[in-house]
């Protein structure tokens, strides 16, 4: 997941059962950024045909990657492949599961569709909005190129293999900002981690 964004200090600032609530908080946090990235990023692992279809419909220009499990007989090559999901029938698609899905999109253009496509079960779906926090040294906040807001839809951990029915909002700041910078941002957005 946006490896460049996540090298600093990260902390969960809010957990909720309402995906729309998590997204609203992410929007409030992003509004605090001095500079916002032009693209948000989504990453997840999909294990059912139904979930693949829902997420592909939400983000039609997504990238799907099949990586065979060690020791498994690969359906499309030892190192995996990028199946053409829209043209595959359900049986062909099932042979390529699980799939990694990634997508980039302009902030504010696809989040409602993503939330609608989540469904009731499945792995966590991570959405990251990169940017740069303003420098507020008096509050312990130091902007960095690694700053971001992240929502783990259906996951209150950073591991997609540990799904839950809850949605967690994370703030990423520089190591220099650390805990104090996160607390300042959370308070500005109206939450107290």
Protein backbone atom coordinates (compact mmCIF):
# COMPACT_ATOMS: atom_id res chain seq x y z
CA UNK A 1 0.00 0.00 0.00
CA UNK A 2 1.46 3.30 -1.05
CA UNK A 3 4.80 2.18 0.38
CA UNK A 4 6.23 5.68 0.03
CA UNK A 5 3.43 7.14 2.17
CA UNK A 6 3.67 4.69 5.02
CA UNK A 7 7.31 4.95 6.12
CA UNK A 8 6.80 7.47 8.92
CA UNK A 9 4.67 7.21 12.03
CA UNK A 10 1.12 5.89 11.76
CA UNK A 11 -1.68 5.83 14.29
CA UNK A 12 -5.33 4.86 14.24
CA UNK A 13 -7.43 7.86 15.32
CA UNK A 14 -10.97 6.47 14.93
CA UNK A 15 -12.77 3.14 14.58
CA UNK A 16 -16.42 2.92 13.55
CA UNK A 17 -18.99 0.44 12.28
CA UNK A 18 -20.13 3.00 9.66
CA UNK A 19 -18.00 3.14 6.47
CA UNK A 20 -19.48 6.52 5.49
CA UNK A 21 -18.52 7.91 8.91
CA UNK A 22 -14.93 6.74 8.40
CA UNK A 23 -14.84 8.38 4.98
CA UNK A 24 -16.28 11.67 6.33
CA UNK A 25 -13.51 11.80 8.94
CA UNK A 26 -10.91 11.07 6.25
CA UNK A 27 -12.26 14.03 4.25
CA UNK A 28 -12.01 16.30 7.33
CA UNK A 29 -8.43 15.18 7.91
CA UNK A 30 -7.48 15.64 4.25
CA UNK A 31 -8.87 19.19 4.40
CA UNK A 32 -6.18 19.94 7.00
CA UNK A 33 -3.39 19.10 4.56
CA UNK A 34 -1.28 21.92 3.21
CA UNK A 35 -0.87 20.05 -0.08
CA UNK A 36 -3.00 17.13 -1.23
CA UNK A 37 -1.96 14.46 -3.67
CA UNK A 38 -3.70 14.35 -7.03
CA UNK A 39 -4.47 10.65 -6.66
CA UNK A 40 -5.83 8.42 -3.94
CA UNK A 41 -4.91 4.74 -3.94
CA UNK A 42 -6.90 1.60 -3.16
CA UNK A 43 -5.47 -1.81 -2.38
CA UNK A 44 -7.18 -5.04 -1.34
CA UNK A 45 -7.20 -8.82 -1.73
CA UNK A 46 -10.39 -10.27 -3.20
CA UNK A 47 -11.38 -13.87 -2.62
CA UNK A 48 -14.83 -14.23 -4.20
CA UNK A 49 -16.19 -13.71 -7.70
CA UNK A 50 -19.00 -11.54 -6.34
CA UNK A 51 -16.58 -9.23 -4.55
CA UNK A 52 -14.35 -8.95 -7.63
CA UNK A 53 -17.37 -8.01 -9.75
CA UNK A 54 -18.56 -5.37 -7.25
CA UNK A 55 -15.15 -3.75 -6.85
CA UNK A 56 -14.39 -3.86 -10.60
CA UNK A 57 -17.69 -2.08 -11.25
CA UNK A 58 -16.82 0.57 -8.64
CA UNK A 59 -13.37 1.19 -10.14
CA UNK A 60 -13.39 0.06 -13.80
CA UNK A 61 -9.73 0.98 -14.45
CA UNK A 62 -8.38 -1.18 -11.63
CA UNK A 63 -5.40 -3.47 -11.87
CA UNK A 64 -5.89 -7.10 -10.84
CA UNK A 65 -3.01 -9.44 -10.11
CA UNK A 66 -3.14 -13.18 -9.48
CA UNK A 67 -0.21 -14.53 -7.48
CA UNK A 68 -0.36 -18.26 -6.88
CA UNK A 69 0.17 -19.51 -3.34
CA UNK A 70 3.50 -21.31 -2.82
CA UNK A 71 3.07 -24.95 -3.75
CA UNK A 72 -0.21 -24.33 -5.57
CA UNK A 73 -0.66 -25.14 -9.22
CA UNK A 74 -0.75 -21.73 -10.92
CA UNK A 75 -3.60 -21.07 -13.33
CA UNK A 76 -1.67 -18.59 -15.43
CA UNK A 77 2.05 -18.93 -14.87
CA UNK A 78 4.43 -19.48 -12.00
CA UNK A 79 4.86 -15.78 -11.21
CA UNK A 80 1.22 -14.88 -11.61
CA UNK A 81 -0.61 -12.82 -14.17
CA UNK A 82 -2.94 -9.87 -14.66
CA UNK A 83 -6.27 -11.40 -15.67
CA UNK A 84 -8.61 -9.34 -17.83
CA UNK A 85 -11.46 -9.40 -15.30
CA UNK A 86 -14.15 -7.66 -17.39
CA UNK A 87 -14.00 -10.26 -20.18
CA UNK A 88 -13.76 -13.36 -17.97
CA UNK A 89 -16.79 -15.46 -17.09
CA UNK A 90 -17.33 -16.44 -13.46
CA UNK A 91 -15.72 -19.87 -13.83
CA UNK A 92 -12.56 -18.44 -15.42
CA UNK A 93 -12.41 -15.73 -12.78
CA UNK A 94 -12.78 -18.21 -9.92
CA UNK A 95 -9.73 -20.12 -11.20
CA UNK A 96 -7.65 -16.95 -10.68
CA UNK A 97 -8.74 -16.22 -7.10
CA UNK A 98 -7.55 -14.71 -4.88
CA UNK A 99 -6.76 -11.48 -6.69
CA UNK A 100 -4.88 -8.43 -5.54
CA UNK A 101 -6.65 -5.27 -6.63
CA UNK A 102 -5.10 -1.83 -6.88
CA UNK A 103 -6.44 1.39 -8.29
CA UNK A 104 -5.61 5.08 -8.40
CA UNK A 105 -8.29 7.72 -8.70
CA UNK A 106 -8.85 11.42 -8.18
CA UNK A 107 -9.88 12.12 -4.57
CA UNK A 108 -13.61 12.59 -4.19
CA UNK A 109 -14.51 10.76 -7.41
CA UNK A 110 -14.88 7.10 -6.42
CA UNK A 111 -15.18 6.79 -2.66
CA UNK A 112 -19.00 6.58 -2.61
CA UNK A 113 -18.87 3.74 -5.16
CA UNK A 114 -16.18 1.97 -3.15
CA UNK A 115 -18.26 2.18 0.05
CA UNK A 116 -21.33 0.86 -1.80
CA UNK A 117 -19.28 -2.04 -3.24
CA UNK A 118 -17.84 -3.17 0.11
CA UNK A 119 -20.57 -5.66 0.95
CA UNK A 120 -20.83 -7.40 4.29
CA UNK A 121 -17.71 -9.55 4.26
CA UNK A 122 -14.30 -9.87 2.70
CA UNK A 123 -10.78 -8.66 3.34
CA UNK A 124 -9.92 -5.15 4.37
CA UNK A 125 -9.96 -2.49 1.64
CA UNK A 126 -7.31 0.18 2.12
CA UNK A 127 -7.71 3.67 0.67
CA UNK A 128 -4.87 6.18 1.09
CA UNK A 129 -5.01 9.91 0.39
CA UNK A 130 -1.41 11.23 0.30
CA UNK A 131 -0.47 14.83 0.90
CA UNK A 132 1.60 17.02 3.19
CA UNK A 133 0.63 18.33 6.60
CA UNK A 134 1.45 21.97 7.35
CA UNK A 135 4.42 22.68 9.58
CA UNK A 136 3.13 23.45 13.06
CA UNK A 137 6.21 22.86 15.22
CA UNK A 138 4.48 24.41 18.24
CA UNK A 139 2.06 21.44 18.07
CA UNK A 140 4.70 18.85 17.19
CA UNK A 141 3.64 18.67 13.53
CA UNK A 142 6.31 18.67 10.81
CA UNK A 143 5.13 18.17 7.22
CA UNK A 144 6.72 15.39 5.21
CA UNK A 145 6.42 13.82 1.78
CA UNK A 146 5.22 10.66 3.56
CA UNK A 147 2.08 12.26 5.07
CA UNK A 148 -1.27 10.62 4.40
CA UNK A 149 -4.73 9.71 5.63
CA UNK A 150 -5.76 6.07 5.32
CA UNK A 151 -9.02 4.23 5.89
CA UNK A 152 -8.98 0.50 6.40
CA UNK A 153 -12.55 -0.34 5.37
CA UNK A 154 -13.59 -3.63 7.00
CA UNK A 155 -10.34 -3.76 8.92
CA UNK A 156 -9.09 -2.19 12.09
CA UNK A 157 -5.56 -3.51 11.50
CA UNK A 158 -3.05 -2.81 8.77
CA UNK A 159 -3.11 -6.45 7.61
CA UNK A 160 -5.70 -7.27 4.91
CA UNK A 161 -5.78 -10.87 6.13
CA UNK A 162 -7.36 -9.67 9.39
CA UNK A 163 -10.74 -8.32 8.29
CA UNK A 164 -13.37 -7.03 10.70
CA UNK A 165 -16.77 -5.43 10.50
CA UNK A 166 -15.30 -2.10 11.52
CA UNK A 167 -13.54 0.68 9.64
CA UNK A 168 -10.40 2.38 10.96
CA UNK A 169 -9.04 5.81 10.09
CA UNK A 170 -5.25 6.17 10.32
CA UNK A 171 -3.09 9.27 10.17
CA UNK A 172 0.43 9.03 8.75
CA UNK A 173 2.96 11.67 9.77
CA UNK A 174 6.73 11.96 9.82
CA UNK A 175 8.65 10.15 12.53
CA UNK A 176 9.62 13.60 13.82
CA UNK A 177 5.93 14.48 14.28
CA UNK A 178 5.08 11.19 15.95
CA UNK A 179 2.33 10.83 18.53
CA UNK A 180 2.09 14.55 19.31
CA UNK A 181 1.52 15.51 15.66
CA UNK A 182 -1.18 12.84 15.26
CA UNK A 183 -3.00 14.03 18.38
CA UNK A 184 -2.95 17.61 17.09
CA UNK A 185 -4.42 16.58 13.71
CA UNK A 186 -7.07 14.37 15.31
CA UNK A 187 -8.16 17.19 17.61
CA UNK A 188 -8.36 19.59 14.64
CA UNK A 189 -10.65 17.08 12.90
CA UNK A 190 -12.82 16.68 16.01
CA UNK A 191 -11.71 13.25 17.25
CA UNK A 192 -9.64 12.17 20.21
CA UNK A 193 -7.67 8.96 19.65
